[in-house]
N, C-alpha and C. Protein backbone atom coordinates (compact mmCIF):
# COMPACT_ATOMS: atom_id res chain seq x y z
N UNK A 1 -60.64 33.32 -143.58
CA UNK A 1 -59.93 32.63 -142.52
C UNK A 1 -59.01 33.58 -141.74
N UNK A 2 -58.36 34.49 -142.48
CA UNK A 2 -57.46 35.44 -141.83
C UNK A 2 -58.23 36.34 -140.86
N UNK A 3 -59.47 36.68 -141.23
CA UNK A 3 -60.27 37.53 -140.36
C UNK A 3 -60.59 36.83 -139.05
N UNK A 4 -60.86 35.53 -139.11
CA UNK A 4 -61.15 34.78 -137.88
C UNK A 4 -59.92 34.75 -136.99
N UNK A 5 -58.76 34.59 -137.58
CA UNK A 5 -57.52 34.57 -136.81
C UNK A 5 -57.26 35.92 -136.15
N UNK A 6 -57.51 37.00 -136.90
CA UNK A 6 -57.33 38.33 -136.33
C UNK A 6 -58.30 38.58 -135.19
N UNK A 7 -59.52 38.10 -135.34
CA UNK A 7 -60.52 38.25 -134.29
C UNK A 7 -60.09 37.48 -133.04
N UNK A 8 -59.60 36.25 -133.24
CA UNK A 8 -59.11 35.45 -132.11
C UNK A 8 -57.98 36.19 -131.40
N UNK A 9 -57.05 36.76 -132.17
CA UNK A 9 -55.93 37.50 -131.58
C UNK A 9 -56.44 38.67 -130.75
N UNK A 10 -57.43 39.40 -131.27
CA UNK A 10 -57.98 40.55 -130.55
C UNK A 10 -58.64 40.10 -129.24
N UNK A 11 -59.39 39.03 -129.30
CA UNK A 11 -60.07 38.52 -128.10
C UNK A 11 -59.03 38.10 -127.06
N UNK A 12 -58.01 37.41 -127.51
CA UNK A 12 -56.95 36.96 -126.59
C UNK A 12 -56.27 38.17 -125.96
N UNK A 13 -55.92 39.17 -126.77
CA UNK A 13 -55.26 40.36 -126.23
C UNK A 13 -56.13 41.11 -125.25
N UNK A 14 -57.42 41.22 -125.54
CA UNK A 14 -58.34 41.89 -124.62
C UNK A 14 -58.38 41.16 -123.28
N UNK A 15 -58.49 39.85 -123.34
CA UNK A 15 -58.53 39.08 -122.10
C UNK A 15 -57.21 39.18 -121.35
N UNK A 16 -56.10 39.18 -122.08
CA UNK A 16 -54.78 39.29 -121.47
C UNK A 16 -54.62 40.63 -120.76
N UNK A 17 -55.08 41.68 -121.39
CA UNK A 17 -54.97 43.02 -120.79
C UNK A 17 -55.72 43.11 -119.46
N UNK A 18 -56.74 42.30 -119.28
CA UNK A 18 -57.54 42.34 -118.06
C UNK A 18 -56.94 41.56 -116.91
N UNK A 19 -55.84 40.88 -117.15
CA UNK A 19 -55.23 40.05 -116.11
C UNK A 19 -54.22 40.83 -115.28
N UNK A 20 -54.00 40.34 -114.07
CA UNK A 20 -52.97 40.92 -113.21
C UNK A 20 -51.59 40.54 -113.77
N UNK A 21 -50.57 41.23 -113.31
CA UNK A 21 -49.19 40.93 -113.75
C UNK A 21 -48.82 39.49 -113.45
N UNK A 22 -49.27 39.02 -112.29
CA UNK A 22 -48.96 37.63 -111.90
C UNK A 22 -49.60 36.64 -112.88
N UNK A 23 -50.85 36.88 -113.23
CA UNK A 23 -51.55 35.99 -114.18
C UNK A 23 -50.94 36.08 -115.57
N UNK A 24 -50.51 37.30 -115.97
CA UNK A 24 -49.85 37.45 -117.27
C UNK A 24 -48.58 36.60 -117.32
N UNK A 25 -47.85 36.56 -116.22
CA UNK A 25 -46.64 35.74 -116.16
C UNK A 25 -46.99 34.26 -116.30
N UNK A 26 -48.10 33.84 -115.69
CA UNK A 26 -48.54 32.45 -115.84
C UNK A 26 -48.88 32.13 -117.29
N UNK A 27 -49.55 33.08 -117.96
CA UNK A 27 -49.88 32.90 -119.37
C UNK A 27 -48.59 32.78 -120.19
N UNK A 28 -47.63 33.64 -119.92
CA UNK A 28 -46.35 33.59 -120.64
C UNK A 28 -45.66 32.25 -120.40
N UNK A 29 -45.65 31.79 -119.17
CA UNK A 29 -45.04 30.49 -118.85
C UNK A 29 -45.73 29.37 -119.64
N UNK A 30 -47.05 29.43 -119.72
CA UNK A 30 -47.80 28.41 -120.44
C UNK A 30 -47.48 28.46 -121.94
N UNK A 31 -47.40 29.66 -122.49
CA UNK A 31 -47.07 29.80 -123.91
C UNK A 31 -45.68 29.25 -124.20
N UNK A 32 -44.74 29.50 -123.31
CA UNK A 32 -43.39 28.96 -123.48
C UNK A 32 -43.39 27.44 -123.39
N UNK A 33 -44.22 26.90 -122.51
CA UNK A 33 -44.38 25.45 -122.40
C UNK A 33 -44.91 24.87 -123.72
N UNK A 34 -45.93 25.50 -124.27
CA UNK A 34 -46.49 25.03 -125.55
C UNK A 34 -45.46 25.09 -126.67
N UNK A 35 -44.69 26.16 -126.69
CA UNK A 35 -43.65 26.31 -127.71
C UNK A 35 -42.60 25.20 -127.58
N UNK A 36 -42.18 24.92 -126.36
CA UNK A 36 -41.20 23.87 -126.12
C UNK A 36 -41.75 22.50 -126.51
N UNK A 37 -43.01 22.28 -126.23
CA UNK A 37 -43.64 21.00 -126.59
C UNK A 37 -43.66 20.81 -128.10
N UNK A 38 -43.92 21.87 -128.84
CA UNK A 38 -43.91 21.79 -130.31
C UNK A 38 -42.50 21.48 -130.81
N UNK A 39 -41.49 22.13 -130.22
CA UNK A 39 -40.11 21.87 -130.63
C UNK A 39 -39.73 20.43 -130.30
N UNK A 40 -40.15 19.96 -129.14
CA UNK A 40 -39.84 18.59 -128.73
C UNK A 40 -40.43 17.58 -129.70
N UNK A 41 -41.63 17.87 -130.18
CA UNK A 41 -42.29 16.99 -131.14
C UNK A 41 -41.44 16.88 -132.40
N UNK A 42 -40.89 18.00 -132.84
CA UNK A 42 -40.02 18.00 -134.01
C UNK A 42 -38.77 17.18 -133.78
N UNK A 43 -38.21 17.28 -132.57
CA UNK A 43 -37.00 16.51 -132.25
C UNK A 43 -37.31 15.02 -132.27
N UNK A 44 -38.46 14.65 -131.73
CA UNK A 44 -38.83 13.24 -131.71
C UNK A 44 -39.02 12.70 -133.12
N UNK A 45 -39.63 13.51 -133.99
CA UNK A 45 -39.80 13.10 -135.38
C UNK A 45 -38.45 12.92 -136.05
N UNK A 46 -37.51 13.81 -135.78
CA UNK A 46 -36.17 13.69 -136.36
C UNK A 46 -35.48 12.44 -135.83
N UNK A 47 -35.57 12.20 -134.53
CA UNK A 47 -34.95 11.01 -133.93
C UNK A 47 -35.51 9.74 -134.56
N UNK A 48 -36.81 9.71 -134.77
CA UNK A 48 -37.44 8.54 -135.39
C UNK A 48 -36.93 8.36 -136.82
N UNK A 49 -36.83 9.46 -137.56
CA UNK A 49 -36.32 9.40 -138.93
C UNK A 49 -34.88 8.89 -138.94
N UNK A 50 -34.04 9.43 -138.05
CA UNK A 50 -32.63 9.03 -138.00
C UNK A 50 -32.50 7.55 -137.63
N UNK A 51 -33.29 7.10 -136.69
CA UNK A 51 -33.25 5.70 -136.28
C UNK A 51 -33.65 4.79 -137.43
N UNK A 52 -34.72 5.15 -138.14
CA UNK A 52 -35.17 4.35 -139.28
C UNK A 52 -34.13 4.33 -140.39
N UNK A 53 -33.48 5.46 -140.63
CA UNK A 53 -32.42 5.51 -141.64
C UNK A 53 -31.27 4.59 -141.25
N UNK A 54 -30.86 4.65 -140.00
CA UNK A 54 -29.77 3.79 -139.53
C UNK A 54 -30.15 2.32 -139.68
N UNK A 55 -31.39 2.00 -139.38
CA UNK A 55 -31.86 0.63 -139.51
C UNK A 55 -31.84 0.18 -140.97
N UNK A 56 -32.32 1.04 -141.87
CA UNK A 56 -32.34 0.72 -143.30
C UNK A 56 -30.93 0.52 -143.84
N UNK A 57 -29.97 1.30 -143.35
CA UNK A 57 -28.60 1.24 -143.87
C UNK A 57 -27.74 0.22 -143.14
N UNK A 58 -28.30 -0.39 -142.09
CA UNK A 58 -27.59 -1.45 -141.39
C UNK A 58 -26.56 -0.99 -140.39
N UNK A 59 -26.68 0.21 -139.88
CA UNK A 59 -25.73 0.64 -138.86
C UNK A 59 -26.42 1.08 -137.57
N UNK A 60 -27.57 0.50 -137.30
CA UNK A 60 -28.31 0.83 -136.08
C UNK A 60 -27.69 0.21 -134.83
N UNK A 61 -26.71 -0.67 -135.01
CA UNK A 61 -26.05 -1.30 -133.87
C UNK A 61 -24.93 -0.43 -133.31
N UNK A 62 -24.53 0.63 -134.03
CA UNK A 62 -23.43 1.48 -133.60
C UNK A 62 -23.83 2.33 -132.39
N UNK A 63 -22.88 2.50 -131.49
CA UNK A 63 -23.10 3.38 -130.33
C UNK A 63 -22.62 4.78 -130.69
N UNK A 64 -22.92 5.73 -129.82
CA UNK A 64 -22.43 7.10 -130.04
C UNK A 64 -20.91 7.11 -130.06
N UNK A 65 -20.30 6.29 -129.22
CA UNK A 65 -18.84 6.22 -129.17
C UNK A 65 -18.29 5.68 -130.50
N UNK A 66 -18.97 4.67 -131.07
CA UNK A 66 -18.56 4.13 -132.36
C UNK A 66 -18.60 5.22 -133.43
N UNK A 67 -19.67 5.95 -133.45
CA UNK A 67 -19.84 7.01 -134.46
C UNK A 67 -18.76 8.08 -134.27
N UNK A 68 -18.51 8.48 -133.03
CA UNK A 68 -17.48 9.50 -132.76
C UNK A 68 -16.11 9.01 -133.23
N UNK A 69 -15.81 7.74 -133.00
CA UNK A 69 -14.53 7.17 -133.43
C UNK A 69 -14.43 7.15 -134.95
N UNK A 70 -15.51 6.75 -135.62
CA UNK A 70 -15.53 6.71 -137.08
C UNK A 70 -15.32 8.11 -137.66
N UNK A 71 -16.00 9.08 -137.11
CA UNK A 71 -15.86 10.47 -137.60
C UNK A 71 -14.44 10.96 -137.35
N UNK A 72 -13.91 10.68 -136.17
CA UNK A 72 -12.54 11.09 -135.86
C UNK A 72 -11.53 10.45 -136.81
N UNK A 73 -11.70 9.16 -137.03
CA UNK A 73 -10.80 8.44 -137.97
C UNK A 73 -10.90 9.05 -139.37
N UNK A 74 -12.11 9.35 -139.80
CA UNK A 74 -12.33 9.92 -141.12
C UNK A 74 -11.63 11.28 -141.24
N UNK A 75 -11.77 12.09 -140.20
CA UNK A 75 -11.17 13.43 -140.23
C UNK A 75 -9.65 13.37 -140.22
N UNK A 76 -9.12 12.33 -139.59
CA UNK A 76 -7.66 12.16 -139.55
C UNK A 76 -7.12 11.46 -140.79
N UNK A 77 -8.01 11.05 -141.67
CA UNK A 77 -7.61 10.43 -142.92
C UNK A 77 -7.25 8.96 -142.83
N UNK A 78 -7.73 8.29 -141.82
CA UNK A 78 -7.44 6.86 -141.66
C UNK A 78 -8.31 6.03 -142.53
């Protein structure tokens, strides 16, 4: 399997080397887009997990302001 991956990398690099600077920049932009999309997917999974946890624990009705107030009160020892 590793050999197939190395071969794919070589093919990609060969094709990349044949592109103009402008096209290389487009490829880079696309790669950055794909990377961001993967990160976004992780954020969405975390958000879904956090929402489900809040629902299970019965505090899904709290707003961000409520949470900030609770944390502030806790830090001040109230």
